[in-house]
Amino acid sequence: MSGKRGTVDAGMAVALAAAIGAAEASGILPHGGIYGTLTMPDPVHGACCDGSAVKGPQYCTCWTPVFDMDQAEPHPGDPGTRGAMCQECAYKPGSPERQGDERYNGDADLLARIAETGVPFFCHEGIRRAVKLVHPSGAEAEVPPGDYQPPVIDGVPCKADGSPGDLCAGWAARRAKAVQREGRAS
């Protein structure tokens, strides 16, 4: 990289492009950029960082999320399970996730698969959510409505108050049915 921020020499550009391509191919980085399907503006009309210099605004690493809640110091612990589905539960019929709304991560097939396999799914209640992204230039970008970004300790997301997140009640009910079917099949 040269002395000016966001300018990359040819050798560095090749190396960065290869690293980004490998990250996309392995699933670490969504295809289309750091922000997946979210179309990012180009607030500085050029390169402000290595990612945008090599691959364009979709790969800019300068954006900072603004959250709907302040995050308290996380306190590790075991998750509980919600007693009932929350108002906006992904497992409810008609939820954006089950309807395939592209602004949300996952779909009906993914929700079914994770319940069947036992991959934990956590409720969003009390979890901080990004409401927008802010660039050092002052530009702002909208984020999808389900952009939850909690700190995660040992695979358990932490609520904004620092306590461990709760397993989703909808997931737990689906999981219990899957376990019951597995028991009958044995």
C-alpha atoms as a PDB file:
ATOM      1  CA  MET A   1       0.000   0.000   0.000  1.00  0.00           C
ATOM      2  CA  SER A   2       1.306   3.459  -0.792  1.00  0.00           C
ATOM      3  CA  GLY A   3       1.418   6.332   1.697  1.00  0.00           C
ATOM      4  CA  LYS A   4      -2.091   7.581   0.810  1.00  0.00           C
ATOM      5  CA  ARG A   5      -5.014   5.805   2.498  1.00  0.00           C
ATOM      6  CA  GLY A   6      -6.991   3.673   0.073  1.00  0.00           C
ATOM      7  CA  THR A   7      -4.393   3.518  -2.688  1.00  0.00           C
ATOM      8  CA  VAL A   8      -3.029   0.080  -3.433  1.00  0.00           C
ATOM      9  CA  ASP A   9      -0.078  -0.906  -5.600  1.00  0.00           C
ATOM     10  CA  ALA A  10      -0.550  -3.621  -8.240  1.00  0.00           C
ATOM     11  CA  GLY A  11       1.000  -6.426  -6.161  1.00  0.00           C
ATOM     12  CA  MET A  12      -1.155  -5.608  -3.137  1.00  0.00           C
ATOM     13  CA  ALA A  13      -4.269  -5.394  -5.344  1.00  0.00           C
ATOM     14  CA  VAL A  14      -3.645  -8.892  -6.717  1.00  0.00           C
ATOM     15  CA  ALA A  15      -3.085 -10.298  -3.214  1.00  0.00           C
ATOM     16  CA  LEU A  16      -6.191  -8.597  -1.795  1.00  0.00           C
ATOM     17  CA  ALA A  17      -8.354  -9.695  -4.722  1.00  0.00           C
ATOM     18  CA  ALA A  18      -7.151 -13.299  -4.232  1.00  0.00           C
ATOM     19  CA  ALA A  19      -7.852 -13.170  -0.480  1.00  0.00           C
ATOM     20  CA  ILE A  20     -11.333 -11.737  -1.052  1.00  0.00           C
ATOM     21  CA  GLY A  21     -12.060 -14.367  -3.730  1.00  0.00           C
ATOM     22  CA  ALA A  22     -10.954 -17.171  -1.391  1.00  0.00           C
ATOM     23  CA  ALA A  23     -13.120 -15.781   1.431  1.00  0.00           C
ATOM     24  CA  GLU A  24     -16.140 -15.644  -0.896  1.00  0.00           C
ATOM     25  CA  ALA A  25     -15.516 -19.166  -2.215  1.00  0.00           C
ATOM     26  CA  SER A  26     -15.286 -20.602   1.305  1.00  0.00           C
ATOM     27  CA  GLY A  27     -18.441 -18.848   2.500  1.00  0.00           C
ATOM     28  CA  ILE A  28     -16.618 -16.653   5.028  1.00  0.00           C
ATOM     29  CA  LEU A  29     -17.524 -13.560   3.006  1.00  0.00           C
ATOM     30  CA  PRO A  30     -20.870 -13.309   1.198  1.00  0.00           C
ATOM     31  CA  HIS A  31     -20.708 -13.115  -2.593  1.00  0.00           C
ATOM     32  CA  GLY A  32     -21.235  -9.531  -3.616  1.00  0.00           C
ATOM     33  CA  GLY A  33     -19.276  -7.984  -0.777  1.00  0.00           C
ATOM     34  CA  ILE A  34     -19.072  -7.641   2.959  1.00  0.00           C
ATOM     35  CA  TYR A  35     -22.695  -6.513   3.063  1.00  0.00           C
ATOM     36  CA  GLY A  36     -24.121  -9.334   0.931  1.00  0.00           C
ATOM     37  CA  THR A  37     -27.116  -8.192  -1.099  1.00  0.00           C
ATOM     38  CA  LEU A  38     -27.163  -4.719   0.484  1.00  0.00           C
ATOM     39  CA  THR A  39     -26.077  -2.192  -2.155  1.00  0.00           C
ATOM     40  CA  MET A  40     -23.555   0.157  -0.612  1.00  0.00           C
ATOM     41  CA  PRO A  41     -23.065   3.754  -1.725  1.00  0.00           C
ATOM     42  CA  ASP A  42     -19.644   5.127  -2.676  1.00  0.00           C
ATOM     43  CA  PRO A  43     -19.469   8.111  -0.296  1.00  0.00           C
ATOM     44  CA  VAL A  44     -15.962   9.238  -1.248  1.00  0.00           C
ATOM     45  CA  HIS A  45     -16.233   8.575  -5.006  1.00  0.00           C
ATOM     46  CA  GLY A  46     -13.207   6.346  -5.007  1.00  0.00           C
ATOM     47  CA  ALA A  47     -11.152   4.305  -2.601  1.00  0.00           C
ATOM     48  CA  CYS A  48     -11.158   5.019   1.120  1.00  0.00           C
ATOM     49  CA  CYS A  49      -9.711   1.678   2.248  1.00  0.00           C
ATOM     50  CA  ASP A  50      -8.006  -1.400   0.773  1.00  0.00           C
ATOM     51  CA  GLY A  51     -11.282  -3.271   0.241  1.00  0.00           C
ATOM     52  CA  SER A  52     -12.929  -0.468  -1.726  1.00  0.00           C
ATOM     53  CA  ALA A  53      -9.696   0.274  -3.616  1.00  0.00           C
ATOM     54  CA  VAL A  54      -9.505  -3.298  -4.892  1.00  0.00           C
ATOM     55  CA  LYS A  55     -13.133  -4.395  -5.258  1.00  0.00           C
ATOM     56  CA  GLY A  56     -15.319  -1.265  -4.943  1.00  0.00           C
ATOM     57  CA  PRO A  57     -17.799   0.099  -2.396  1.00  0.00           C
ATOM     58  CA  GLN A  58     -19.339  -3.317  -1.589  1.00  0.00           C
ATOM     59  CA  TYR A  59     -16.035  -4.215   0.074  1.00  0.00           C
ATOM     60  CA  CYS A  60     -15.449  -0.992   2.036  1.00  0.00           C
ATOM     61  CA  THR A  61     -14.482  -1.777   5.637  1.00  0.00           C
ATOM     62  CA  CYS A  62     -14.903   1.796   6.916  1.00  0.00           C
ATOM     63  CA  TRP A  63     -18.621   1.540   7.773  1.00  0.00           C
ATOM     64  CA  THR A  64     -19.574   1.391  11.472  1.00  0.00           C
ATOM     65  CA  PRO A  65     -22.930   0.045  12.687  1.00  0.00           C
ATOM     66  CA  VAL A  66     -25.256   2.163  14.838  1.00  0.00           C
ATOM     67  CA  PHE A  67     -27.328   0.004  17.193  1.00  0.00           C
ATOM     68  CA  ASP A  68     -30.837   0.340  18.610  1.00  0.00           C
ATOM     69  CA  MET A  69     -29.590  -0.461  22.137  1.00  0.00           C
ATOM     70  CA  ASP A  70     -26.391   0.052  24.097  1.00  0.00           C
ATOM     71  CA  GLN A  71     -24.534  -3.181  24.857  1.00  0.00           C
ATOM     72  CA  ALA A  72     -23.689  -3.958  28.494  1.00  0.00           C
ATOM     73  CA  GLU A  73     -20.659  -6.044  29.387  1.00  0.00           C
ATOM     74  CA  PRO A  74     -21.485  -9.646  28.377  1.00  0.00           C
ATOM     75  CA  HIS A  75     -21.900 -12.227  31.143  1.00  0.00           C
ATOM     76  CA  PRO A  76     -21.293 -15.763  29.857  1.00  0.00           C
ATOM     77  CA  GLY A  77     -23.753 -18.431  30.810  1.00  0.00           C
ATOM     78  CA  ASP A  78     -26.083 -21.117  29.587  1.00  0.00           C
ATOM     79  CA  PRO A  79     -29.088 -19.976  27.582  1.00  0.00           C
ATOM     80  CA  GLY A  80     -32.624 -20.458  28.787  1.00  0.00           C
ATOM     81  CA  THR A  81     -35.546 -21.174  26.476  1.00  0.00           C
ATOM     82  CA  ARG A  82     -38.363 -18.679  26.008  1.00  0.00           C
ATOM     83  CA  GLY A  83     -41.675 -19.877  27.403  1.00  0.00           C
ATOM     84  CA  ALA A  84     -43.619 -18.858  24.313  1.00  0.00           C
ATOM     85  CA  MET A  85     -42.961 -17.570  20.800  1.00  0.00           C
ATOM     86  CA  CYS A  86     -42.261 -13.853  20.699  1.00  0.00           C
ATOM     87  CA  GLN A  87     -44.454 -11.522  18.656  1.00  0.00           C
ATOM     88  CA  GLU A  88     -42.056 -11.612  15.673  1.00  0.00           C
ATOM     89  CA  CYS A  89     -40.886 -15.232  15.904  1.00  0.00           C
ATOM     90  CA  ALA A  90     -39.250 -16.504  12.718  1.00  0.00           C
ATOM     91  CA  TYR A  91     -41.036 -19.848  13.258  1.00  0.00           C
ATOM     92  CA  LYS A  92     -44.528 -18.313  13.189  1.00  0.00           C
ATOM     93  CA  PRO A  93     -46.522 -18.889   9.993  1.00  0.00           C
ATOM     94  CA  GLY A  94     -46.328 -15.790   7.831  1.00  0.00           C
ATOM     95  CA  SER A  95     -43.043 -14.539   9.315  1.00  0.00           C
ATOM     96  CA  PRO A  96     -40.752 -12.684   6.875  1.00  0.00           C
ATOM     97  CA  GLU A  97     -38.218 -15.512   7.153  1.00  0.00           C
ATOM     98  CA  ARG A  98     -40.774 -18.195   6.302  1.00  0.00           C
ATOM     99  CA  GLN A  99     -42.117 -16.069   3.449  1.00  0.00           C
ATOM    100  CA  GLY A 100     -38.631 -15.753   1.895  1.00  0.00           C
ATOM    101  CA  ASP A 101     -38.178 -12.008   2.491  1.00  0.00           C
ATOM    102  CA  GLU A 102     -34.626 -11.420   1.200  1.00  0.00           C
ATOM    103  CA  ARG A 103     -34.006  -8.721   3.814  1.00  0.00           C
ATOM    104  CA  TYR A 104     -33.875 -11.454   6.478  1.00  0.00           C
ATOM    105  CA  ASN A 105     -31.302 -14.210   6.843  1.00  0.00           C
ATOM    106  CA  GLY A 106     -32.677 -17.662   6.196  1.00  0.00           C
ATOM    107  CA  ASP A 107     -35.931 -19.055   4.890  1.00  0.00           C
ATOM    108  CA  ALA A 108     -38.464 -21.763   5.719  1.00  0.00           C
ATOM    109  CA  ASP A 109     -36.121 -24.549   4.578  1.00  0.00           C
ATOM    110  CA  LEU A 110     -33.252 -23.289   6.732  1.00  0.00           C
ATOM    111  CA  LEU A 111     -35.525 -22.962   9.779  1.00  0.00           C
ATOM    112  CA  ALA A 112     -36.743 -26.549   9.297  1.00  0.00           C
ATOM    113  CA  ARG A 113     -33.209 -27.860   8.756  1.00  0.00           C
ATOM    114  CA  ILE A 114     -31.733 -26.281  11.887  1.00  0.00           C
ATOM    115  CA  ALA A 115     -34.580 -27.578  14.041  1.00  0.00           C
ATOM    116  CA  GLU A 116     -34.154 -31.070  12.587  1.00  0.00           C
ATOM    117  CA  THR A 117     -30.387 -31.090  13.124  1.00  0.00           C
ATOM    118  CA  GLY A 118     -30.430 -29.399  16.537  1.00  0.00           C
ATOM    119  CA  VAL A 119     -28.382 -26.339  15.569  1.00  0.00           C
ATOM    120  CA  PRO A 120     -29.401 -23.805  18.253  1.00  0.00           C
ATOM    121  CA  PHE A 121     -31.518 -20.845  17.141  1.00  0.00           C
ATOM    122  CA  PHE A 122     -31.834 -17.883  19.466  1.00  0.00           C
ATOM    123  CA  CYS A 123     -34.646 -15.411  19.996  1.00  0.00           C
ATOM    124  CA  HIS A 124     -33.960 -11.814  18.947  1.00  0.00           C
ATOM    125  CA  GLU A 125     -35.777 -10.316  21.951  1.00  0.00           C
ATOM    126  CA  GLY A 126     -33.341  -8.150  23.901  1.00  0.00           C
ATOM    127  CA  ILE A 127     -30.582  -8.560  21.294  1.00  0.00           C
ATOM    128  CA  ARG A 128     -29.049  -5.396  19.860  1.00  0.00           C
ATOM    129  CA  ARG A 129     -29.771  -4.691  16.214  1.00  0.00           C
ATOM    130  CA  ALA A 130     -27.952  -2.482  13.747  1.00  0.00           C
ATOM    131  CA  VAL A 131     -30.285   0.247  12.496  1.00  0.00           C
ATOM    132  CA  LYS A 132     -27.879   1.915  10.062  1.00  0.00           C
ATOM    133  CA  LEU A 133     -24.254   2.083   8.986  1.00  0.00           C
ATOM    134  CA  VAL A 134     -22.200   5.283   9.179  1.00  0.00           C
ATOM    135  CA  HIS A 135     -19.125   6.027   7.070  1.00  0.00           C
ATOM    136  CA  PRO A 136     -16.294   8.285   8.331  1.00  0.00           C
ATOM    137  CA  SER A 137     -17.260  10.672   5.488  1.00  0.00           C
ATOM    138  CA  GLY A 138     -20.622  11.201   7.216  1.00  0.00           C
ATOM    139  CA  ALA A 139     -22.595   9.101   4.717  1.00  0.00           C
ATOM    140  CA  GLU A 140     -25.228   6.729   6.088  1.00  0.00           C
ATOM    141  CA  ALA A 141     -26.645   3.486   4.700  1.00  0.00           C
ATOM    142  CA  GLU A 142     -29.743   1.542   5.675  1.00  0.00           C
ATOM    143  CA  VAL A 143     -29.427  -2.030   6.880  1.00  0.00           C
ATOM    144  CA  PRO A 144     -31.922  -4.896   6.624  1.00  0.00           C
ATOM    145  CA  PRO A 145     -34.464  -5.059   9.490  1.00  0.00           C
ATOM    146  CA  GLY A 146     -33.057  -8.316  10.910  1.00  0.00           C
ATOM    147  CA  ASP A 147     -29.409  -7.217  11.265  1.00  0.00           C
ATOM    148  CA  TYR A 148     -28.830  -8.473  14.822  1.00  0.00           C
ATOM    149  CA  GLN A 149     -25.202  -8.202  15.934  1.00  0.00           C
ATOM    150  CA  PRO A 150     -24.790  -9.397  19.520  1.00  0.00           C
ATOM    151  CA  PRO A 151     -21.512 -10.314  21.117  1.00  0.00           C
ATOM    152  CA  VAL A 152     -21.297 -14.129  21.125  1.00  0.00           C
ATOM    153  CA  ILE A 153     -19.553 -16.091  23.875  1.00  0.00           C
ATOM    154  CA  ASP A 154     -19.082 -19.853  23.468  1.00  0.00           C
ATOM    155  CA  GLY A 155     -21.772 -19.911  20.775  1.00  0.00           C
ATOM    156  CA  VAL A 156     -24.351 -18.056  22.890  1.00  0.00           C
ATOM    157  CA  PRO A 157     -25.406 -14.542  21.866  1.00  0.00           C
ATOM    158  CA  CYS A 158     -25.646 -11.983  24.661  1.00  0.00           C
ATOM    159  CA  LYS A 159     -28.612  -9.681  25.141  1.00  0.00           C
ATOM    160  CA  ALA A 160     -28.049  -5.942  25.349  1.00  0.00           C
ATOM    161  CA  ASP A 161     -28.267  -6.180  29.159  1.00  0.00           C
ATOM    162  CA  GLY A 162     -25.300  -8.601  29.062  1.00  0.00           C
ATOM    163  CA  SER A 163     -27.241 -11.752  29.973  1.00  0.00           C
ATOM    164  CA  PRO A 164     -27.180 -14.878  27.770  1.00  0.00           C
ATOM    165  CA  GLY A 165     -29.713 -14.954  24.944  1.00  0.00           C
ATOM    166  CA  ASP A 166     -32.707 -17.289  25.038  1.00  0.00           C
ATOM    167  CA  LEU A 167     -33.294 -20.216  22.734  1.00  0.00           C
ATOM    168  CA  CYS A 168     -36.246 -19.501  20.455  1.00  0.00           C
ATOM    169  CA  ALA A 169     -39.518 -21.066  21.671  1.00  0.00           C
ATOM    170  CA  GLY A 170     -40.584 -21.767  18.076  1.00  0.00           C
ATOM    171  CA  TRP A 171     -37.303 -23.548  17.399  1.00  0.00           C
ATOM    172  CA  ALA A 172     -37.601 -25.503  20.671  1.00  0.00           C
ATOM    173  CA  ALA A 173     -41.092 -26.731  19.760  1.00  0.00           C
ATOM    174  CA  ARG A 174     -39.938 -27.791  16.273  1.00  0.00           C
ATOM    175  CA  ARG A 175     -36.855 -29.448  17.764  1.00  0.00           C
ATOM    176  CA  ALA A 176     -38.928 -31.386  20.311  1.00  0.00           C
ATOM    177  CA  LYS A 177     -41.096 -32.778  17.485  1.00  0.00           C
ATOM    178  CA  ALA A 178     -37.982 -33.771  15.522  1.00  0.00           C
ATOM    179  CA  VAL A 179     -36.519 -35.570  18.545  1.00  0.00           C
ATOM    180  CA  GLN A 180     -39.826 -37.349  19.108  1.00  0.00           C
ATOM    181  CA  ARG A 181     -39.874 -38.516  15.451  1.00  0.00           C
ATOM    182  CA  GLU A 182     -36.247 -39.697  15.767  1.00  0.00           C
ATOM    183  CA  GLY A 183     -37.218 -41.708  18.872  1.00  0.00           C
ATOM    184  CA  ARG A 184     -40.079 -43.434  17.061  1.00  0.00           C
ATOM    185  CA  ALA A 185     -37.865 -44.226  14.081  1.00  0.00           C
ATOM    186  CA  SER A 186     -35.283 -46.050  16.238  1.00  0.00           C
END
